[in-house]
Every structure is written in C-alpha cells, then in structure tokens.
Protein backbone atom coordinates (compact mmCIF):
# COMPACT_ATOMS: atom_id res chain seq x y z
CA UNK A 1 29.76 34.48 -135.42
CA UNK A 2 31.86 33.39 -138.88
CA UNK A 3 28.38 33.87 -140.59
CA UNK A 4 28.10 37.29 -139.24
CA UNK A 5 31.39 38.52 -140.19
CA UNK A 6 30.77 37.12 -143.74
CA UNK A 7 27.75 38.75 -144.26
CA UNK A 8 28.81 41.86 -143.08
CA UNK A 9 31.85 41.50 -145.68
CA UNK A 10 29.30 40.82 -148.18
CA UNK A 11 27.63 44.03 -147.34
CA UNK A 12 30.65 45.90 -147.60
CA UNK A 13 31.38 44.27 -151.31
CA UNK A 14 28.39 44.94 -152.28
CA UNK A 15 28.61 48.52 -151.38
CA UNK A 16 31.82 49.15 -152.89
CA UNK A 17 30.79 47.46 -156.13
CA UNK A 18 27.74 49.71 -156.46
CA UNK A 19 30.30 52.58 -156.30
CA UNK A 20 32.35 51.23 -158.82
CA UNK A 21 29.42 50.49 -161.02
CA UNK A 22 27.89 53.78 -160.40
CA UNK A 23 31.37 55.39 -161.35
CA UNK A 24 31.57 53.39 -165.21
CA UNK A 25 27.86 53.97 -165.80
CA UNK A 26 26.99 50.76 -165.59
CA UNK A 27 22.89 50.03 -165.11
CA UNK A 28 22.03 46.86 -163.23
CA UNK A 29 18.56 47.91 -162.31
CA UNK A 30 16.95 45.13 -164.95
CA UNK A 31 18.74 42.08 -164.83
CA UNK A 32 16.81 41.21 -168.29
CA UNK A 33 18.89 44.47 -170.06
CA UNK A 34 21.52 42.73 -172.65
CA UNK A 35 23.91 43.76 -175.17
CA UNK A 36 22.06 45.93 -178.01
CA UNK A 37 21.95 43.73 -181.30
CA UNK A 38 21.91 45.79 -184.82
CA UNK A 39 21.37 44.69 -188.28
CA UNK A 40 24.15 45.78 -189.91
CA UNK A 41 25.35 46.92 -193.59
CA UNK A 42 28.91 48.03 -194.13
CA UNK A 43 29.32 50.38 -196.95
CA UNK A 44 32.54 51.37 -199.09
CA UNK A 45 32.30 55.21 -200.06
CA UNK A 46 34.61 58.15 -200.61
CA UNK A 47 37.59 56.26 -199.73
CA UNK A 48 36.16 55.57 -196.39
CA UNK A 49 34.44 52.80 -194.43
CA UNK A 50 30.64 53.70 -193.38
CA UNK A 51 28.69 51.65 -190.99
CA UNK A 52 24.81 51.52 -190.79
CA UNK A 53 23.25 49.92 -188.19
CA UNK A 54 19.64 49.46 -186.88
CA UNK A 55 18.77 48.01 -183.17
CA UNK A 56 16.89 44.94 -183.68
CA UNK A 57 14.94 45.92 -181.16
CA UNK A 58 13.51 49.03 -182.99
CA UNK A 59 9.30 48.76 -183.08
CA UNK A 60 10.02 49.82 -187.08
CA UNK A 61 12.98 47.43 -187.70
CA UNK A 62 10.88 44.67 -189.24
CA UNK A 63 11.85 46.51 -192.84
CA UNK A 64 15.87 46.41 -191.95
CA UNK A 65 16.69 44.74 -195.27
CA UNK A 66 14.97 47.46 -197.46
CA UNK A 67 16.31 50.39 -194.67
CA UNK A 68 19.79 48.83 -194.96
CA UNK A 69 19.54 48.98 -198.64
CA UNK A 70 18.54 52.06 -199.11
CA UNK A 71 20.99 53.52 -197.03
CA UNK A 72 23.39 52.08 -198.87
CA UNK A 73 21.73 53.65 -201.90
CA UNK A 74 22.07 57.33 -200.51
CA UNK A 75 25.35 56.71 -199.37
CA UNK A 76 26.75 55.66 -202.60
CA UNK A 77 24.73 58.41 -204.79
CA UNK A 78 26.41 61.11 -202.55
CA UNK A 79 29.69 59.49 -202.96
CA UNK A 80 29.40 59.60 -206.70
CA UNK A 81 28.09 63.20 -207.11
CA UNK A 82 30.44 64.59 -204.75
CA UNK A 83 33.66 62.67 -206.40
CA UNK A 84 36.40 64.92 -207.55
CA UNK A 85 38.56 62.78 -208.46
CA UNK A 86 36.25 60.17 -210.96
CA UNK A 87 33.81 60.55 -213.61
CA UNK A 88 30.86 58.01 -213.77
CA UNK A 89 28.74 57.20 -216.80
CA UNK A 90 25.06 56.22 -216.96
CA UNK A 91 23.58 54.87 -220.08
CA UNK A 92 26.84 56.51 -222.04
CA UNK A 93 25.66 60.16 -220.66
CA UNK A 94 28.43 61.50 -218.04
CA UNK A 95 26.91 62.11 -214.61
CA UNK A 96 27.18 65.83 -213.74
CA UNK A 97 29.16 65.20 -210.40
CA UNK A 98 32.11 67.66 -209.07
CA UNK A 99 34.43 65.72 -210.96
CA UNK A 100 32.99 66.60 -214.59
CA UNK A 101 32.25 70.26 -212.81
CA UNK A 102 35.96 70.69 -211.98
CA UNK A 103 36.61 70.00 -215.56
CA UNK A 104 34.02 72.03 -217.40
CA UNK A 105 34.84 75.74 -216.11
CA UNK A 106 32.81 78.55 -217.09
CA UNK A 107 30.22 76.52 -218.29
CA UNK A 108 26.78 76.76 -216.95
CA UNK A 109 26.02 73.07 -215.80
CA UNK A 110 22.76 71.44 -214.74
CA UNK A 111 23.10 69.17 -211.78
CA UNK A 112 21.06 67.10 -209.50
CA UNK A 113 19.53 68.67 -206.74
CA UNK A 114 21.28 66.90 -204.14
CA UNK A 115 24.60 67.84 -205.15
CA UNK A 116 22.90 71.49 -205.46
CA UNK A 117 22.31 71.38 -201.65
CA UNK A 118 25.35 70.26 -200.65
CA UNK A 119 27.26 73.16 -202.54
CA UNK A 120 24.58 75.88 -201.33
CA UNK A 121 24.94 74.60 -197.87
CA UNK A 122 28.93 74.52 -198.02
CA UNK A 123 28.87 78.35 -199.27
CA UNK A 124 26.49 79.07 -196.25
CA UNK A 125 29.19 77.76 -193.93
CA UNK A 126 31.61 79.33 -195.81
CA UNK A 127 30.34 82.95 -194.52
CA UNK A 128 29.22 81.60 -191.54
CA UNK A 129 33.17 80.83 -190.80
CA UNK A 130 34.30 83.94 -192.15
CA UNK A 131 36.00 81.76 -195.03
CA UNK A 132 37.63 79.18 -192.54
CA UNK A 133 35.64 76.36 -194.69
CA UNK A 134 35.82 76.81 -198.09
CA UNK A 135 35.07 74.23 -200.66
CA UNK A 136 36.76 76.11 -203.72
CA UNK A 137 40.38 75.85 -203.10
CA UNK A 138 40.76 72.17 -203.78
CA UNK A 139 43.88 73.14 -206.29
CA UNK A 140 45.81 74.08 -202.77
CA UNK A 141 44.37 71.00 -201.17
CA UNK A 142 45.70 68.66 -203.90
CA UNK A 143 49.05 70.38 -204.08
CA UNK A 144 49.28 69.51 -200.19
CA UNK A 145 48.44 65.90 -200.60
CA UNK A 146 50.82 65.29 -202.95
CA UNK A 147 53.57 66.86 -200.75
CA UNK A 148 52.47 64.62 -197.84
CA UNK A 149 51.65 61.55 -199.81
CA UNK A 150 53.58 58.97 -197.67
CA UNK A 151 54.07 56.35 -200.68
CA UNK A 152 55.61 59.57 -202.57
CA UNK A 153 59.44 59.87 -202.81
CA UNK A 154 59.56 63.42 -201.79
CA UNK A 155 63.35 63.71 -200.65
CA UNK A 156 63.62 67.54 -201.12
CA UNK A 157 66.35 69.73 -199.82
CA UNK A 158 64.63 72.49 -197.10
CA UNK A 159 65.12 75.21 -200.14
CA UNK A 160 63.36 72.94 -202.48
CA UNK A 161 60.50 72.01 -199.86
CA UNK A 162 60.25 75.79 -199.24
CA UNK A 163 60.21 76.54 -202.81
CA UNK A 164 56.76 74.63 -202.93
CA UNK A 165 55.12 75.98 -200.08
CA UNK A 166 55.99 79.56 -201.77
CA UNK A 167 54.21 77.93 -204.86
CA UNK A 168 51.24 76.72 -202.92
CA UNK A 169 50.75 80.23 -201.08
CA UNK A 170 50.85 81.98 -204.92
CA UNK A 171 47.75 80.10 -205.89
CA UNK A 172 45.01 82.19 -205.48
CA UNK A 173 41.72 82.15 -204.35
CA UNK A 174 38.52 82.84 -206.37
CA UNK A 175 36.22 85.31 -204.55
CA UNK A 176 32.74 84.01 -205.39
CA UNK A 177 34.11 81.45 -207.45
CA UNK A 178 31.14 78.79 -207.23
CA UNK A 179 27.91 80.54 -209.20
CA UNK A 180 24.63 78.45 -208.20
CA UNK A 181 21.28 79.39 -210.05
CA UNK A 182 17.80 77.78 -210.23
CA UNK A 183 15.88 77.94 -213.30
CA UNK A 184 12.40 76.18 -213.94
CA UNK A 185 12.95 73.69 -210.98
CA UNK A 186 16.30 72.99 -212.59
CA UNK A 187 19.78 73.26 -210.53
CA UNK A 188 22.74 74.84 -212.16
CA UNK A 189 26.49 75.63 -211.17
CA UNK A 190 29.33 77.39 -212.97
CA UNK A 191 33.03 77.51 -211.50
CA UNK A 192 35.40 80.40 -212.41
CA UNK A 193 38.90 79.91 -213.48
CA UNK A 194 41.01 79.11 -210.38
CA UNK A 195 38.49 77.24 -208.51
CA UNK A 196 38.02 73.34 -207.82
CA UNK A 197 35.88 72.28 -205.57
CA UNK A 198 36.51 69.80 -202.93
CA UNK A 199 33.73 68.42 -200.56
CA UNK A 200 35.83 66.10 -198.66
CA UNK A 201 34.79 68.47 -195.67
CA UNK A 202 31.28 67.66 -195.59
CA UNK A 203 30.08 65.01 -198.04
CA UNK A 204 30.67 62.27 -195.20
CA UNK A 205 28.24 64.34 -192.54
CA UNK A 206 25.80 65.22 -195.49
CA UNK A 207 25.15 61.56 -196.25
CA UNK A 208 25.16 60.59 -192.66
CA UNK A 209 22.35 63.50 -192.06
CA UNK A 210 20.18 61.76 -195.46
CA UNK A 211 20.43 58.61 -194.06
CA UNK A 212 18.99 59.76 -190.87
CA UNK A 213 16.46 61.51 -192.59
CA UNK A 214 15.20 58.66 -194.43
CA UNK A 215 15.49 56.74 -190.99
CA UNK A 216 13.04 59.26 -189.25
CA UNK A 217 10.59 58.89 -192.32
CA UNK A 218 10.54 55.39 -191.49
CA UNK A 219 9.84 55.46 -187.81
CA UNK A 220 13.37 54.20 -186.85
CA UNK A 221 14.58 55.77 -183.18
CA UNK A 222 17.56 53.07 -182.39
CA UNK A 223 20.37 53.42 -184.91
CA UNK A 224 23.88 54.07 -185.55
CA UNK A 225 25.11 55.60 -188.84
CA UNK A 226 28.98 56.14 -188.92
CA UNK A 227 31.52 57.59 -191.53
CA UNK A 228 34.70 55.96 -190.25
CA UNK A 229 36.08 57.35 -187.00
CA UNK A 230 35.56 60.73 -187.69
CA UNK A 231 31.39 60.87 -188.18
CA UNK A 232 29.41 59.42 -186.00
CA UNK A 233 25.56 59.92 -185.56
CA UNK A 234 23.73 58.24 -182.79
CA UNK A 235 20.14 57.62 -182.51
CA UNK A 236 18.24 56.86 -179.13
CA UNK A 237 20.05 53.81 -177.20
CA UNK A 238 17.34 51.35 -175.89
CA UNK A 239 19.96 49.85 -173.69
CA UNK A 240 20.64 52.93 -171.73
CA UNK A 241 17.71 54.84 -169.50
CA UNK A 242 19.14 58.34 -170.79
CA UNK A 243 19.44 56.74 -174.30
CA UNK A 244 23.13 57.43 -174.55
CA UNK A 245 25.59 56.00 -176.33
CA UNK A 246 29.15 56.36 -174.83
CA UNK A 247 31.58 57.59 -177.60
CA UNK A 248 35.36 57.60 -176.55
CA UNK A 249 37.80 60.40 -177.30
CA UNK A 250 41.14 59.13 -177.99
CA UNK A 251 44.37 61.44 -176.57
CA UNK A 252 46.42 62.11 -179.66
CA UNK A 253 49.44 62.13 -177.29
CA UNK A 254 48.74 58.72 -175.85
CA UNK A 255 45.58 57.04 -173.93
CA UNK A 256 41.73 57.78 -173.75
CA UNK A 257 40.84 61.71 -172.71
CA UNK A 258 37.23 60.84 -171.66
CA UNK A 259 34.05 59.72 -173.05
CA UNK A 260 30.82 61.67 -174.56
CA UNK A 261 27.44 60.77 -173.88
CA UNK A 262 25.45 60.75 -177.29
CA UNK A 263 22.00 60.53 -177.98
CA UNK A 264 20.00 61.88 -181.22
CA UNK A 265 23.34 64.08 -181.83
CA UNK A 266 26.53 63.83 -183.81
CA UNK A 267 30.26 63.52 -183.04
CA UNK A 268 32.64 65.08 -185.66
CA UNK A 269 36.34 64.97 -185.32
CA UNK A 270 39.21 66.74 -187.67
CA UNK A 271 42.66 66.24 -186.84
CA UNK A 272 45.98 65.48 -188.03
CA UNK A 273 46.59 62.21 -186.69
CA UNK A 274 45.50 60.29 -190.05
CA UNK A 275 47.10 62.00 -193.26
CA UNK A 276 50.51 63.64 -192.06
CA UNK A 277 54.29 63.79 -192.86
CA UNK A 278 56.93 65.53 -191.13
CA UNK A 279 59.16 67.84 -193.00
CA UNK A 280 62.25 69.58 -191.34
CA UNK A 281 61.20 69.60 -187.77
CA UNK A 282 57.17 70.14 -188.15
CA UNK A 283 54.50 68.29 -188.75
CA UNK A 284 52.17 69.04 -192.05
CA UNK A 285 48.83 67.65 -192.54
CA UNK A 286 45.77 67.57 -194.98
CA UNK A 287 43.69 69.89 -193.22
CA UNK A 288 44.55 73.20 -195.04
CA UNK A 289 43.65 76.68 -193.78
CA UNK A 290 41.98 78.70 -196.54
CA UNK A 291 43.26 81.67 -194.60
CA UNK A 292 46.97 80.69 -194.78
CA UNK A 293 46.78 78.16 -197.25
CA UNK A 294 48.95 76.18 -195.13
CA UNK A 295 48.27 73.27 -192.42
CA UNK A 296 48.25 74.81 -189.01
CA UNK A 297 49.83 73.42 -186.16
CA UNK A 298 48.05 75.02 -183.64
CA UNK A 299 45.84 72.06 -182.55
CA UNK A 300 45.89 68.36 -183.07
CA UNK A 301 42.08 67.35 -182.46
CA UNK A 302 38.74 69.22 -183.15
CA UNK A 303 35.57 67.51 -181.89
CA UNK A 304 31.98 69.13 -182.10
CA UNK A 305 28.59 67.85 -180.93
CA UNK A 306 25.84 68.83 -183.08
CA UNK A 307 22.32 67.62 -184.29
CA UNK A 308 23.54 67.95 -188.06
CA UNK A 309 26.40 66.14 -189.47
CA UNK A 310 27.36 68.17 -192.02
CA UNK A 311 27.37 70.92 -190.16
CA UNK A 312 29.71 69.08 -187.82
CA UNK A 313 32.22 68.37 -190.18
CA UNK A 314 32.67 71.36 -191.90
CA UNK A 315 32.99 73.35 -188.44
CA UNK A 316 35.06 71.36 -187.03
CA UNK A 317 37.53 71.36 -190.34
CA UNK A 318 37.22 75.29 -189.69
CA UNK A 319 37.89 75.51 -186.54
CA UNK A 320 40.80 73.09 -186.49
CA UNK A 321 42.65 76.00 -188.39
CA UNK A 322 41.86 78.52 -185.76
CA UNK A 323 44.31 79.65 -183.07
CA UNK A 324 42.66 80.30 -179.75
CA UNK A 325 42.30 84.22 -180.36
CA UNK A 326 39.83 83.67 -183.25
CA UNK A 327 38.39 80.62 -181.93
CA UNK A 328 37.24 82.32 -178.73
CA UNK A 329 36.18 85.29 -180.53
CA UNK A 330 34.43 83.29 -183.16
CA UNK A 331 33.03 81.07 -181.21
CA UNK A 332 31.83 83.79 -178.84
CA UNK A 333 29.84 85.51 -181.58
CA UNK A 334 28.36 82.18 -183.01
CA UNK A 335 27.37 80.64 -179.79
CA UNK A 336 29.71 78.18 -180.39
CA UNK A 337 29.76 75.68 -177.13
CA UNK A 338 29.80 71.84 -177.55
CA UNK A 339 32.99 71.26 -178.45
CA UNK A 340 36.46 69.84 -177.45
CA UNK A 341 40.03 71.10 -178.70
CA UNK A 342 43.18 69.05 -178.11
CA UNK A 343 46.29 71.38 -178.32
CA UNK A 344 49.59 70.88 -180.12
CA UNK A 345 50.88 72.23 -176.40
CA UNK A 346 48.52 69.29 -174.91
CA UNK A 347 46.70 71.47 -173.11
CA UNK A 348 42.80 70.97 -173.46
CA UNK A 349 39.72 73.36 -174.30
CA UNK A 350 36.60 71.29 -172.92
CA UNK A 351 33.23 73.17 -173.79
CA UNK A 352 30.91 70.30 -173.73
CA UNK A 353 28.21 70.12 -170.89
CA UNK A 354 28.64 68.01 -167.80
CA UNK A 355 26.02 65.38 -168.96
CA UNK A 356 27.69 64.73 -172.16
CA UNK A 357 31.21 64.40 -171.03
CA UNK A 358 32.81 61.89 -169.06
CA UNK A 359 36.14 62.09 -167.99
CA UNK A 360 38.61 58.64 -168.61
CA UNK A 361 38.06 57.90 -164.51
CA UNK A 362 34.57 57.90 -164.98
CA UNK A 363 33.64 61.60 -163.25
CA UNK A 364 31.42 64.09 -165.11
CA UNK A 365 32.59 66.81 -162.57
CA UNK A 366 35.05 66.50 -159.97
CA UNK A 367 33.05 68.27 -157.57
CA UNK A 368 29.49 66.70 -158.09
CA UNK A 369 31.08 63.44 -158.76
CA UNK A 370 33.07 63.53 -155.43
CA UNK A 371 29.77 65.00 -153.36
CA UNK A 372 27.61 61.94 -154.94
CA UNK A 373 30.33 59.58 -154.47
CA UNK A 374 31.08 60.49 -151.40
CA UNK A 375 27.38 60.05 -150.23
CA UNK A 376 27.42 56.58 -151.49
CA UNK A 377 30.64 55.94 -149.58
CA UNK A 378 29.16 57.40 -146.53
CA UNK A 379 26.52 54.90 -146.76
CA UNK A 380 28.92 51.84 -147.17
CA UNK A 381 30.53 53.39 -143.94
CA UNK A 382 27.49 53.40 -142.33
CA UNK A 383 26.98 49.79 -143.19
CA UNK A 384 30.16 48.86 -141.85
CA UNK A 385 30.19 50.54 -139.10
CA UNK A 386 26.42 48.66 -138.12
CA UNK A 387 28.27 45.59 -139.07
CA UNK A 388 31.22 46.08 -136.67
CA UNK A 389 29.25 47.34 -134.09
CA UNK A 390 26.67 44.64 -134.15
CA UNK A 391 29.57 42.11 -133.87
CA UNK A 392 30.83 44.00 -131.24
CA UNK A 393 28.03 43.84 -129.47
CA UNK A 394 27.10 40.56 -129.96
CA UNK A 395 30.66 39.21 -129.02
CA UNK A 396 30.48 41.17 -125.70
CA UNK A 397 27.04 39.37 -125.14
CA UNK A 398 28.61 36.21 -125.69
CA UNK A 399 31.64 36.82 -123.44
CA UNK A 400 29.02 38.26 -120.46
CA UNK A 401 27.42 35.08 -120.88
CA UNK A 402 30.63 33.06 -120.63
CA UNK A 403 31.60 34.84 -117.69
CA UNK A 404 28.41 34.69 -115.64
CA UNK A 405 28.31 30.58 -116.66
CA UNK A 406 31.63 30.38 -114.93
CA UNK A 407 30.60 32.11 -111.96
C-alpha cells in the first residue's frame, strides 16, 4: 500500500515539475545538453566594454583565435574613426576621424570608406526619423553632458540653470550641415560652421554589425556580440531547440519586466538610467531631442528588436524622444512594430510578437499560456485521479478480502 502511495506521489511530482519546467522554458528532452561554452574576447572601446563570444561547438570555431583577433580590430578601428574627443596619428600623419573633421570646419576632407558609410547611413536615418536622430548636434549634446556631469560642481540657482538651458536652446541646428561626396573611388566629407558630429548614438551598433558581417563570411552561426548592455547581437543558440537566447528587460522602477527571445537579431536599448542628474525636481539625461534641444522625460526606456544593430541604436535613440502621439503616427507610417517603451508614468507599450516576449512570470500570452498550462495540469489531475481511484479500489478489495476471511 505504502509503495503505491509513493508511486502516485512521484507521478504527481513529475507532472507538476513538468509544468514548472515548461513555464520557465527549460528543455530536458536531451539529458546530454550542457550549458554553452564560449571562446571570449573583452574589448574596451568607445568608452564602454565590448564582448565577443564564439560558441566552442560552432563547426567553424576551429579558427577562433584569429576570429576574435579580427573582431577586436574591427571594433577598435570603428572606435578610432568615430571618436569625437581625441585625435590619433599613424606614422606622423593624423587619422581623419570625427575629431579631426570637427576641428576642420568648411574643409573638404578625404576619409576612410568605413567612416563615410557610417556618416551616410546616419544621414539616411535622420531623414527616416524626421530629424529625431541627428548626428550634427554635437555642440548641444556637449553642453548637456557638461551640465549633468556627476563630477561637476554644478550648484546653480534655478535662475542660473534656466539661463544655461535657454543658451543651449539658442544653439542653431544647421540644415544639410554635413556634405558627403565621392570622387574617383575616394570619399570626402565637409561640415559647415555650427556643426559638430557626434556618432555616439550609432557607432556601437555599427561595430556590432561589422563584426557579425565578418563572422558570417567565416561561416559562424553560434555567437554573441555585445556593446555594453545597450547593444546586444545574438546568433543561433545551439542549446535551445528554437535557437533563442533569453535577454532580460529591466524595469527602471524595479525588478525584471520580462525576457526577449532573440535568435539572429539585435536588442538595442536607449534610456535615462545611466547618465542623468536631477535639477529642481526634474530629471535631465544625455539623450537630447534634436527637435526641442532638451532631454525629454516622457519615456524612461526604449527597446527595439532589429536585424541591424546600427539601425536599432539609431531608432531607439530617436523614438525615446518622441511623445506617445508622435511615436504612434511615425511607427504606423514606418511599420515599426517590434519595440518596448517603458514610460515615465510606469505604463508600458509592448509591441513585440508573442513568440519573442516572455513575461517575468514565464508566460508569453495570458490566455494562450493559461490554456496550454491547464491542458498539462489537467493531465496531472487525471493521473492524480487515476492514482486515487487505484488506491481506493485496492483498499476496498483488501477490505473485502479481510471481511471474507473473517466470515
């Protein structure tokens, strides 16, 4: 009798454990599966930490040392070209990077094709976003960064602070201030007076795309490429039957909002949680709207899922400064569907597909998940019922036999 009770309890436990495992997307179909192991390379560039990882089980990972070395070269090169704070020399000749361009206004400068491509793509995104992404407003961005610098002794009176803000708003934005030209397979840029190029909203993503492009040329499929926590690019995860890697979404108001299932895509984030400072009851941050020349405070975090990290970086920066009405209109016009916005009033706009987003409780869709879980739970209940019936029947049989023997 005791053995049968234990057997039924074990069946119930297995059933309940199955429900919990499914809720947490745990795969136990193959007991041989082990956590992924990666060949890793950490790279410091663009004032952030990059990480490049190649799955040791990737069929093309036998050349991983060279692949990691080349990925570092790609990221470092883009970092130097897009740097707007420092100049570089090679064999006594200045590198024609963003810093050099910004310090040579109204001069036609020959530049590397990689930098030309980044500038060209950035100007295309400026048109696409109706000016909400603009790489020419470096002077305005610099003023705001100085103002919110946590190390600066900015003990302003409210009157002094408002005066500085007004001065920033009076800095002009130059239309068509960046001129790109191609001549005889050479690439040139000229910036007009009043322009300062700042590629901080796109450079990391562009570097990730270039590393992935190289990895695909190498035939690699299982990899992770990260530019801090704000630009994340994932290939195929060999340890998941759908190839997904689960990426957590932090809620700025506390805890984890949920998880995004990513395979061969990028997750990029723009938000006010890292670089900010409060003045007179209002939070100011480093993401400046080219429309208002102010750090807008309607949103706290903007997350976009895209194939291109550069596009994702630029679009998350742009939509972060859009209010709800503008975002809805622009998003509808441009078929923007895969994004999450966590607003300052704690409301959340989640347009991700059901198979891409998992709530922090493990569900993807309340109704569908509930139906699915209840099917499993129903099976557990049936097993439980059969077990109870079996025990009850067996007990009655034994009782009957005992009564027969007593007679």
